N, C-alpha and C. Protein backbone atom coordinates (compact mmCIF):
# COMPACT_ATOMS: atom_id res chain seq x y z
N UNK A 1 79.45 139.91 162.53
CA UNK A 1 78.51 138.84 162.62
C UNK A 1 78.14 138.36 161.22
N UNK A 2 77.91 137.09 161.07
CA UNK A 2 77.65 136.49 159.77
C UNK A 2 76.19 136.64 159.38
N UNK A 3 75.96 136.69 158.07
CA UNK A 3 74.60 136.71 157.54
C UNK A 3 74.09 135.28 157.46
N UNK A 4 72.81 135.12 157.67
CA UNK A 4 72.18 133.81 157.51
C UNK A 4 71.50 133.80 156.16
N UNK A 5 71.86 132.80 155.35
CA UNK A 5 71.27 132.67 154.03
C UNK A 5 70.75 131.25 153.87
N UNK A 6 69.83 131.06 152.96
CA UNK A 6 69.29 129.72 152.72
C UNK A 6 70.31 128.90 151.94
N UNK A 7 70.09 127.60 151.95
CA UNK A 7 70.98 126.71 151.21
C UNK A 7 70.96 127.03 149.72
N UNK A 8 69.78 127.30 149.17
CA UNK A 8 69.68 127.61 147.74
C UNK A 8 70.45 128.89 147.39
N UNK A 9 70.41 129.89 148.28
CA UNK A 9 71.19 131.12 148.04
C UNK A 9 72.68 130.82 148.06
N UNK A 10 73.10 129.99 148.99
CA UNK A 10 74.52 129.63 149.07
C UNK A 10 74.96 128.88 147.83
N UNK A 11 74.15 127.95 147.38
CA UNK A 11 74.48 127.17 146.18
C UNK A 11 74.53 128.09 144.97
N UNK A 12 73.62 129.04 144.87
CA UNK A 12 73.61 129.97 143.75
C UNK A 12 74.87 130.82 143.74
N UNK A 13 75.31 131.27 144.91
CA UNK A 13 76.54 132.07 145.00
C UNK A 13 77.75 131.29 144.51
N UNK A 14 77.83 130.03 144.89
CA UNK A 14 78.94 129.19 144.46
C UNK A 14 78.90 128.97 142.96
N UNK A 15 77.72 128.68 142.43
CA UNK A 15 77.56 128.42 141.00
C UNK A 15 77.88 129.67 140.18
N UNK A 16 77.51 130.85 140.69
CA UNK A 16 77.79 132.09 139.97
C UNK A 16 79.28 132.34 139.82
N UNK A 17 80.08 131.86 140.77
CA UNK A 17 81.53 132.06 140.72
C UNK A 17 82.18 131.21 139.64
N UNK A 18 81.50 130.16 139.21
CA UNK A 18 82.07 129.25 138.22
C UNK A 18 81.64 129.67 136.83
N UNK A 19 82.55 129.55 135.92
CA UNK A 19 82.27 129.92 134.56
C UNK A 19 81.96 128.65 133.77
N UNK A 20 80.69 128.44 133.48
CA UNK A 20 80.27 127.25 132.76
C UNK A 20 80.95 127.15 131.40
N UNK A 21 81.14 128.27 130.75
CA UNK A 21 81.80 128.27 129.44
C UNK A 21 83.21 127.70 129.54
N UNK A 22 83.94 128.08 130.57
CA UNK A 22 85.30 127.57 130.75
C UNK A 22 85.28 126.07 131.02
N UNK A 23 84.34 125.61 131.84
CA UNK A 23 84.25 124.18 132.15
C UNK A 23 83.91 123.37 130.90
N UNK A 24 82.98 123.86 130.10
CA UNK A 24 82.62 123.15 128.87
C UNK A 24 83.78 123.19 127.88
N UNK A 25 84.46 124.32 127.79
CA UNK A 25 85.61 124.43 126.89
C UNK A 25 86.69 123.42 127.27
N UNK A 26 86.92 123.26 128.58
CA UNK A 26 87.91 122.27 129.03
C UNK A 26 87.47 120.86 128.61
N UNK A 27 86.20 120.57 128.79
CA UNK A 27 85.68 119.24 128.42
C UNK A 27 85.85 119.01 126.92
N UNK A 28 85.53 119.99 126.12
CA UNK A 28 85.65 119.86 124.66
C UNK A 28 87.12 119.69 124.27
N UNK A 29 88.01 120.46 124.91
CA UNK A 29 89.45 120.31 124.64
C UNK A 29 89.94 118.91 124.96
N UNK A 30 89.49 118.38 126.09
CA UNK A 30 89.90 117.03 126.47
C UNK A 30 89.42 116.00 125.45
N UNK A 31 88.19 116.15 125.01
CA UNK A 31 87.63 115.20 124.05
C UNK A 31 88.36 115.32 122.71
N UNK A 32 88.66 116.54 122.30
CA UNK A 32 89.35 116.75 121.04
C UNK A 32 90.82 116.35 121.08
N UNK A 33 91.32 116.13 122.27
CA UNK A 33 92.74 115.81 122.46
C UNK A 33 93.02 114.32 122.36
N UNK A 34 92.15 113.56 121.77
CA UNK A 34 92.38 112.11 121.68
C UNK A 34 93.70 111.88 120.99
N UNK A 35 94.59 111.28 121.73
CA UNK A 35 95.94 111.05 121.20
C UNK A 35 96.05 109.62 120.70
N UNK A 36 97.25 109.20 120.53
CA UNK A 36 97.54 107.88 119.99
C UNK A 36 97.19 106.76 120.95
N UNK A 37 96.66 107.07 122.13
CA UNK A 37 96.39 106.00 123.09
C UNK A 37 95.25 105.08 122.65
N UNK A 38 94.41 105.52 121.73
CA UNK A 38 93.30 104.68 121.28
C UNK A 38 93.77 103.75 120.18
N UNK A 39 93.68 102.49 120.46
CA UNK A 39 94.00 101.48 119.45
C UNK A 39 93.28 100.20 119.85
N UNK A 40 93.41 99.19 119.03
CA UNK A 40 92.77 97.91 119.33
C UNK A 40 93.60 97.10 120.32
N UNK A 41 94.80 97.56 120.58
CA UNK A 41 95.70 96.84 121.48
C UNK A 41 95.53 97.31 122.91
N UNK A 42 96.41 96.85 123.74
CA UNK A 42 96.42 97.21 125.16
C UNK A 42 96.80 98.67 125.34
N UNK A 43 96.11 99.36 126.21
CA UNK A 43 96.41 100.75 126.52
C UNK A 43 97.39 100.80 127.68
N UNK A 44 98.50 101.46 127.46
CA UNK A 44 99.48 101.65 128.52
C UNK A 44 99.56 103.15 128.77
N UNK A 45 99.29 103.55 130.01
CA UNK A 45 99.29 104.97 130.34
C UNK A 45 99.86 105.18 131.72
N UNK A 46 100.57 106.28 131.88
CA UNK A 46 101.04 106.62 133.22
C UNK A 46 99.87 107.22 134.00
N UNK A 47 100.10 107.52 135.26
CA UNK A 47 99.00 108.00 136.11
C UNK A 47 98.38 109.28 135.58
N UNK A 48 99.21 110.22 135.14
CA UNK A 48 98.69 111.49 134.66
C UNK A 48 97.83 111.29 133.41
N UNK A 49 98.28 110.44 132.51
CA UNK A 49 97.54 110.16 131.28
C UNK A 49 96.22 109.46 131.62
N UNK A 50 96.28 108.56 132.59
CA UNK A 50 95.08 107.84 133.02
C UNK A 50 94.04 108.81 133.56
N UNK A 51 94.48 109.77 134.34
CA UNK A 51 93.57 110.80 134.87
C UNK A 51 92.91 111.57 133.73
N UNK A 52 93.68 111.93 132.72
CA UNK A 52 93.14 112.66 131.57
C UNK A 52 92.13 111.80 130.81
N UNK A 53 92.44 110.51 130.65
CA UNK A 53 91.52 109.60 129.95
C UNK A 53 90.19 109.52 130.70
N UNK A 54 90.25 109.37 132.03
CA UNK A 54 89.02 109.31 132.82
C UNK A 54 88.23 110.60 132.70
N UNK A 55 88.91 111.74 132.87
CA UNK A 55 88.19 113.02 132.82
C UNK A 55 87.61 113.25 131.43
N UNK A 56 88.35 112.91 130.39
CA UNK A 56 87.88 113.08 129.02
C UNK A 56 86.63 112.24 128.78
N UNK A 57 86.69 110.99 129.20
CA UNK A 57 85.57 110.08 128.95
C UNK A 57 84.33 110.52 129.72
N UNK A 58 84.50 110.87 130.97
CA UNK A 58 83.37 111.32 131.79
C UNK A 58 82.81 112.62 131.23
N UNK A 59 83.67 113.57 130.86
CA UNK A 59 83.21 114.84 130.29
C UNK A 59 82.44 114.61 128.99
N UNK A 60 82.91 113.68 128.18
CA UNK A 60 82.21 113.36 126.94
C UNK A 60 80.81 112.83 127.19
N UNK A 61 80.69 111.98 128.19
CA UNK A 61 79.38 111.43 128.55
C UNK A 61 78.46 112.56 129.03
N UNK A 62 79.00 113.45 129.85
CA UNK A 62 78.20 114.58 130.35
C UNK A 62 77.71 115.45 129.19
N UNK A 63 78.59 115.72 128.25
CA UNK A 63 78.19 116.55 127.10
C UNK A 63 77.14 115.84 126.25
N UNK A 64 77.33 114.55 125.98
CA UNK A 64 76.35 113.80 125.17
C UNK A 64 74.98 113.74 125.86
N UNK A 65 75.00 113.65 127.18
CA UNK A 65 73.73 113.57 127.92
C UNK A 65 73.16 114.95 128.25
N UNK A 66 73.88 115.99 127.81
CA UNK A 66 73.47 117.39 128.02
C UNK A 66 73.36 117.73 129.52
N UNK A 67 74.25 117.18 130.30
CA UNK A 67 74.34 117.50 131.73
C UNK A 67 75.35 118.64 131.86
N UNK A 68 74.88 119.86 131.67
CA UNK A 68 75.76 121.01 131.53
C UNK A 68 75.87 121.89 132.77
N UNK A 69 75.43 121.42 133.89
CA UNK A 69 75.58 122.14 135.14
C UNK A 69 77.06 122.16 135.53
N UNK A 70 77.61 123.29 136.00
CA UNK A 70 79.03 123.32 136.39
C UNK A 70 79.40 122.24 137.39
N UNK A 71 78.49 121.91 138.28
CA UNK A 71 78.78 120.90 139.30
C UNK A 71 79.17 119.56 138.71
N UNK A 72 78.56 119.19 137.58
CA UNK A 72 78.89 117.92 136.95
C UNK A 72 80.34 117.89 136.47
N UNK A 73 80.80 118.99 135.89
CA UNK A 73 82.17 119.03 135.39
C UNK A 73 83.18 119.09 136.52
N UNK A 74 82.81 119.75 137.60
CA UNK A 74 83.68 119.78 138.78
C UNK A 74 83.77 118.37 139.37
N UNK A 75 82.64 117.69 139.42
CA UNK A 75 82.63 116.29 139.90
C UNK A 75 83.46 115.40 138.99
N UNK A 76 83.39 115.62 137.67
CA UNK A 76 84.15 114.77 136.75
C UNK A 76 85.64 114.91 136.99
N UNK A 77 86.08 116.10 137.28
CA UNK A 77 87.50 116.32 137.59
C UNK A 77 87.87 115.59 138.88
N UNK A 78 87.03 115.72 139.90
CA UNK A 78 87.28 115.06 141.18
C UNK A 78 87.33 113.54 141.00
N UNK A 79 86.38 113.00 140.25
CA UNK A 79 86.30 111.55 140.04
C UNK A 79 87.52 111.05 139.28
N UNK A 80 87.98 111.81 138.30
CA UNK A 80 89.17 111.40 137.55
C UNK A 80 90.38 111.29 138.48
N UNK A 81 90.52 112.24 139.39
CA UNK A 81 91.63 112.19 140.35
C UNK A 81 91.45 111.01 141.30
N UNK A 82 90.22 110.78 141.75
CA UNK A 82 89.94 109.64 142.64
C UNK A 82 90.28 108.32 141.96
N UNK A 83 89.87 108.14 140.73
CA UNK A 83 90.14 106.90 140.00
C UNK A 83 91.64 106.71 139.77
N UNK A 84 92.32 107.79 139.49
CA UNK A 84 93.79 107.71 139.32
C UNK A 84 94.43 107.27 140.63
N UNK A 85 93.99 107.86 141.73
CA UNK A 85 94.55 107.53 143.05
C UNK A 85 94.31 106.07 143.39
N UNK A 86 93.13 105.56 143.10
CA UNK A 86 92.81 104.16 143.41
C UNK A 86 93.60 103.21 142.51
N UNK A 87 93.92 103.66 141.30
CA UNK A 87 94.68 102.80 140.39
C UNK A 87 96.12 102.59 140.84
N UNK A 88 96.61 103.48 141.70
CA UNK A 88 98.02 103.37 142.10
C UNK A 88 98.22 103.03 143.58
N UNK A 89 97.16 103.10 144.37
CA UNK A 89 97.32 102.75 145.79
C UNK A 89 96.01 102.18 146.33
N UNK A 90 96.15 101.26 147.23
CA UNK A 90 94.99 100.60 147.83
C UNK A 90 94.58 101.39 149.08
N UNK A 91 93.28 101.64 149.25
CA UNK A 91 92.84 102.33 150.46
C UNK A 91 93.23 101.55 151.72
N UNK A 92 93.41 102.28 152.79
CA UNK A 92 93.76 101.67 154.07
C UNK A 92 92.69 100.67 154.51
N UNK A 93 91.44 101.00 154.24
CA UNK A 93 90.33 100.13 154.58
C UNK A 93 89.26 100.24 153.50
N UNK A 94 88.52 99.17 153.27
CA UNK A 94 87.41 99.20 152.34
C UNK A 94 86.08 99.34 153.08
N UNK A 95 86.14 99.61 154.36
CA UNK A 95 84.94 99.83 155.18
C UNK A 95 84.71 101.33 155.31
N UNK A 96 83.68 101.85 154.67
CA UNK A 96 83.38 103.28 154.72
C UNK A 96 83.14 103.75 156.15
N UNK A 97 82.55 102.90 156.95
CA UNK A 97 82.24 103.27 158.33
C UNK A 97 83.52 103.51 159.14
N UNK A 98 84.60 102.77 158.81
CA UNK A 98 85.87 103.00 159.50
C UNK A 98 86.31 104.45 159.36
N UNK A 99 86.21 104.97 158.14
CA UNK A 99 86.64 106.35 157.90
C UNK A 99 85.72 107.33 158.61
N UNK A 100 84.42 107.04 158.57
CA UNK A 100 83.46 107.94 159.20
C UNK A 100 83.70 108.02 160.70
N UNK A 101 83.79 106.88 161.36
CA UNK A 101 83.96 106.90 162.82
C UNK A 101 85.30 107.53 163.22
N UNK A 102 86.35 107.21 162.49
CA UNK A 102 87.66 107.79 162.80
C UNK A 102 87.66 109.30 162.52
N UNK A 103 87.02 109.70 161.42
CA UNK A 103 86.94 111.12 161.08
C UNK A 103 86.19 111.92 162.11
N UNK A 104 85.10 111.37 162.62
CA UNK A 104 84.32 112.05 163.67
C UNK A 104 85.12 112.09 164.97
N UNK A 105 85.68 110.94 165.33
CA UNK A 105 86.43 110.85 166.59
C UNK A 105 87.64 111.80 166.60
N UNK A 106 88.37 111.86 165.49
CA UNK A 106 89.57 112.68 165.42
C UNK A 106 89.32 114.07 164.85
N UNK A 107 88.06 114.36 164.54
CA UNK A 107 87.67 115.64 163.94
C UNK A 107 88.51 115.94 162.69
N UNK A 108 88.53 114.95 161.80
CA UNK A 108 89.27 115.05 160.54
C UNK A 108 88.31 114.79 159.37
N UNK A 109 87.75 115.85 158.81
CA UNK A 109 86.78 115.71 157.72
C UNK A 109 87.32 114.98 156.50
N UNK A 110 88.62 115.04 156.25
CA UNK A 110 89.19 114.35 155.09
C UNK A 110 88.94 112.85 155.17
N UNK A 111 88.91 112.31 156.39
CA UNK A 111 88.61 110.89 156.56
C UNK A 111 87.16 110.59 156.19
N UNK A 112 86.28 111.51 156.52
CA UNK A 112 84.87 111.35 156.15
C UNK A 112 84.74 111.35 154.62
N UNK A 113 85.48 112.23 153.96
CA UNK A 113 85.48 112.25 152.49
C UNK A 113 86.01 110.93 151.93
N UNK A 114 87.02 110.36 152.56
CA UNK A 114 87.54 109.07 152.09
C UNK A 114 86.49 107.97 152.22
N UNK A 115 85.71 108.01 153.29
CA UNK A 115 84.60 107.05 153.43
C UNK A 115 83.58 107.23 152.32
N UNK A 116 83.28 108.49 151.98
CA UNK A 116 82.35 108.77 150.88
C UNK A 116 82.93 108.25 149.56
N UNK A 117 84.24 108.42 149.39
CA UNK A 117 84.90 107.91 148.17
C UNK A 117 84.74 106.40 148.04
N UNK A 118 84.88 105.68 149.16
CA UNK A 118 84.71 104.22 149.15
C UNK A 118 83.29 103.87 148.70
N UNK A 119 82.30 104.56 149.26
CA UNK A 119 80.92 104.32 148.86
C UNK A 119 80.73 104.61 147.37
N UNK A 120 81.33 105.69 146.88
CA UNK A 120 81.23 106.04 145.47
C UNK A 120 81.83 104.94 144.60
N UNK A 121 82.98 104.44 145.00
CA UNK A 121 83.63 103.38 144.23
C UNK A 121 82.78 102.11 144.19
N UNK A 122 82.16 101.77 145.33
CA UNK A 122 81.29 100.59 145.36
C UNK A 122 80.07 100.77 144.46
N UNK A 123 79.56 101.97 144.35
CA UNK A 123 78.36 102.22 143.55
C UNK A 123 78.67 102.41 142.07
N UNK A 124 79.91 102.74 141.73
CA UNK A 124 80.21 103.04 140.34
C UNK A 124 81.16 102.04 139.68
N UNK A 125 82.20 101.63 140.37
CA UNK A 125 83.23 100.79 139.76
C UNK A 125 83.16 99.35 140.24
N UNK A 126 82.99 99.15 141.52
CA UNK A 126 83.00 97.82 142.11
C UNK A 126 81.60 97.42 142.56
N UNK A 127 80.67 97.37 141.61
CA UNK A 127 79.26 97.10 141.92
C UNK A 127 79.07 95.79 142.70
N UNK A 128 79.85 94.77 142.35
CA UNK A 128 79.69 93.48 143.02
C UNK A 128 79.97 93.60 144.52
N UNK A 129 80.78 94.57 144.91
CA UNK A 129 81.11 94.77 146.34
C UNK A 129 79.99 95.50 147.08
N UNK A 130 79.06 96.09 146.35
CA UNK A 130 78.01 96.86 147.02
C UNK A 130 76.96 95.98 147.68
N UNK A 131 77.09 94.67 147.54
CA UNK A 131 76.12 93.77 148.18
C UNK A 131 76.78 92.92 149.27
N UNK A 132 77.94 93.32 149.71
CA UNK A 132 78.63 92.61 150.79
C UNK A 132 78.30 93.24 152.14
N UNK A 133 78.56 92.49 153.17
CA UNK A 133 78.46 92.98 154.55
C UNK A 133 77.08 93.52 154.92
N UNK A 134 76.04 92.80 154.55
CA UNK A 134 74.67 93.19 154.88
C UNK A 134 74.31 94.59 154.38
N UNK A 135 74.96 95.01 153.33
CA UNK A 135 74.68 96.31 152.71
C UNK A 135 74.18 96.05 151.30
N UNK A 136 73.60 97.06 150.71
CA UNK A 136 73.21 96.96 149.31
C UNK A 136 73.54 98.26 148.61
N UNK A 137 73.31 98.27 147.32
CA UNK A 137 73.65 99.44 146.51
C UNK A 137 72.99 100.70 147.07
N UNK A 138 71.71 100.62 147.39
CA UNK A 138 70.99 101.79 147.91
C UNK A 138 71.57 102.31 149.21
N UNK A 139 72.00 101.40 150.07
CA UNK A 139 72.61 101.81 151.34
C UNK A 139 73.92 102.55 151.10
N UNK A 140 74.75 102.02 150.19
CA UNK A 140 76.01 102.69 149.90
C UNK A 140 75.77 104.04 149.22
N UNK A 141 74.75 104.11 148.38
CA UNK A 141 74.43 105.37 147.71
C UNK A 141 74.02 106.43 148.72
N UNK A 142 73.13 106.09 149.62
CA UNK A 142 72.68 107.04 150.65
C UNK A 142 73.82 107.41 151.59
N UNK A 143 74.60 106.41 152.00
CA UNK A 143 75.71 106.67 152.91
C UNK A 143 76.75 107.57 152.23
N UNK A 144 77.08 107.27 150.98
CA UNK A 144 78.08 108.07 150.26
C UNK A 144 77.66 109.51 150.11
N UNK A 145 76.43 109.73 149.68
CA UNK A 145 75.93 111.10 149.52
C UNK A 145 75.91 111.82 150.87
N UNK A 146 75.50 111.10 151.90
CA UNK A 146 75.48 111.70 153.24
C UNK A 146 76.88 112.04 153.75
N UNK A 147 77.84 111.17 153.49
CA UNK A 147 79.21 111.44 153.93
C UNK A 147 79.81 112.62 153.17
N UNK A 148 79.55 112.70 151.87
CA UNK A 148 80.03 113.87 151.12
C UNK A 148 79.42 115.15 151.66
N UNK A 149 78.13 115.10 151.97
CA UNK A 149 77.48 116.29 152.50
C UNK A 149 78.02 116.64 153.89
N UNK A 150 78.28 115.62 154.69
CA UNK A 150 78.89 115.86 156.01
C UNK A 150 80.26 116.51 155.85
N UNK A 151 81.03 116.04 154.86
CA UNK A 151 82.32 116.64 154.55
C UNK A 151 82.15 118.11 154.18
N UNK A 152 81.15 118.39 153.34
CA UNK A 152 80.87 119.78 152.95
C UNK A 152 80.54 120.64 154.17
N UNK A 153 79.67 120.13 155.03
CA UNK A 153 79.29 120.89 156.22
C UNK A 153 80.47 121.14 157.15
N UNK A 154 81.40 120.19 157.20
CA UNK A 154 82.55 120.31 158.09
C UNK A 154 83.63 121.23 157.55
N UNK A 155 83.74 121.30 156.22
CA UNK A 155 84.84 122.05 155.62
C UNK A 155 84.42 123.24 154.78
N UNK A 156 83.18 123.22 154.30
CA UNK A 156 82.73 124.27 153.39
C UNK A 156 83.25 124.08 151.97
N UNK A 157 83.93 122.97 151.70
CA UNK A 157 84.47 122.71 150.36
C UNK A 157 83.34 122.26 149.44
N UNK A 158 83.19 123.00 148.36
CA UNK A 158 82.07 122.80 147.44
C UNK A 158 82.00 121.40 146.84
N UNK A 159 83.13 120.74 146.67
CA UNK A 159 83.12 119.41 146.06
C UNK A 159 82.25 118.46 146.88
N UNK A 160 82.24 118.62 148.19
CA UNK A 160 81.39 117.79 149.03
C UNK A 160 79.92 117.97 148.71
N UNK A 161 79.51 119.20 148.52
CA UNK A 161 78.12 119.51 148.18
C UNK A 161 77.77 118.97 146.80
N UNK A 162 78.65 119.21 145.82
CA UNK A 162 78.38 118.74 144.46
C UNK A 162 78.31 117.22 144.40
N UNK A 163 79.26 116.55 145.03
CA UNK A 163 79.26 115.08 145.00
C UNK A 163 78.04 114.52 145.74
N UNK A 164 77.62 115.17 146.81
CA UNK A 164 76.43 114.71 147.53
C UNK A 164 75.19 114.84 146.67
N UNK A 165 75.01 115.99 146.04
CA UNK A 165 73.81 116.25 145.25
C UNK A 165 73.77 115.47 143.94
N UNK A 166 74.94 115.17 143.40
CA UNK A 166 75.00 114.53 142.09
C UNK A 166 75.52 113.09 142.19
N UNK A 167 75.47 112.53 143.39
CA UNK A 167 76.05 111.21 143.65
C UNK A 167 75.51 110.15 142.69
N UNK A 168 74.21 110.00 142.63
CA UNK A 168 73.61 108.93 141.82
C UNK A 168 73.90 109.11 140.33
N UNK A 169 73.77 110.32 139.84
CA UNK A 169 74.03 110.56 138.41
C UNK A 169 75.51 110.31 138.10
N UNK A 170 76.41 110.77 138.97
CA UNK A 170 77.84 110.60 138.70
C UNK A 170 78.27 109.14 138.84
N UNK A 171 77.62 108.35 139.69
CA UNK A 171 77.96 106.92 139.73
C UNK A 171 77.55 106.26 138.42
N UNK A 172 76.39 106.64 137.90
CA UNK A 172 75.92 106.10 136.63
C UNK A 172 76.86 106.51 135.48
N UNK A 173 77.25 107.78 135.47
CA UNK A 173 78.15 108.27 134.42
C UNK A 173 79.51 107.57 134.52
N UNK A 174 80.01 107.36 135.73
CA UNK A 174 81.30 106.69 135.91
C UNK A 174 81.20 105.23 135.47
N UNK A 175 80.11 104.59 135.76
CA UNK A 175 79.89 103.22 135.28
C UNK A 175 79.92 103.19 133.75
N UNK A 176 79.23 104.13 133.15
CA UNK A 176 79.20 104.24 131.69
C UNK A 176 80.60 104.51 131.15
N UNK A 177 81.38 105.30 131.86
CA UNK A 177 82.77 105.57 131.48
C UNK A 177 83.56 104.27 131.40
N UNK A 178 83.44 103.44 132.43
CA UNK A 178 84.17 102.18 132.44
C UNK A 178 83.70 101.23 131.35
N UNK A 179 82.41 101.21 131.08
CA UNK A 179 81.89 100.36 130.03
C UNK A 179 82.43 100.80 128.66
N UNK A 180 82.58 102.09 128.48
CA UNK A 180 83.07 102.58 127.19
C UNK A 180 84.57 102.34 127.02
N UNK A 181 85.30 102.11 128.09
CA UNK A 181 86.73 101.86 128.01
C UNK A 181 87.05 100.40 127.73
N UNK A 182 86.06 99.53 127.83
CA UNK A 182 86.30 98.09 127.61
C UNK A 182 86.61 97.81 126.17
């Protein structure tokens, strides 16, 4: 029979398993790894390099803002992969609700996570889209955090919990990442 623990105890157990020193060391390595891609000209990068650029930039922002919780660095890795994926393929639908309803109906939590990803993109990268379809930024923010948390509850995957809890801060950091790349 399983033990019943509080949410805070569960979160503490997950955080204890992560080595903050290793996460910060990875962030510092990425920042120190600035290669020849920085110039005044056009940046040309393959998908893997693009992922590294996103993770490096987001990690740098986290370090400068002293956001040193392991969850932030785990989110930065997830976001870098998400941004790389969006740069090379278009989502099947831009309606977050489509993913949610299909995920619930088919009992496929990955679809719920994809709906949360759409909300995250609207709140961080495609801000102008967050005011379409009788929705606003706040609605997408709440829906995205809720969908990530639903994904966490369905799968137990920590990234869902981290993205849900840090949704607003990570959208702001991702926006700042894009502004710094201009």
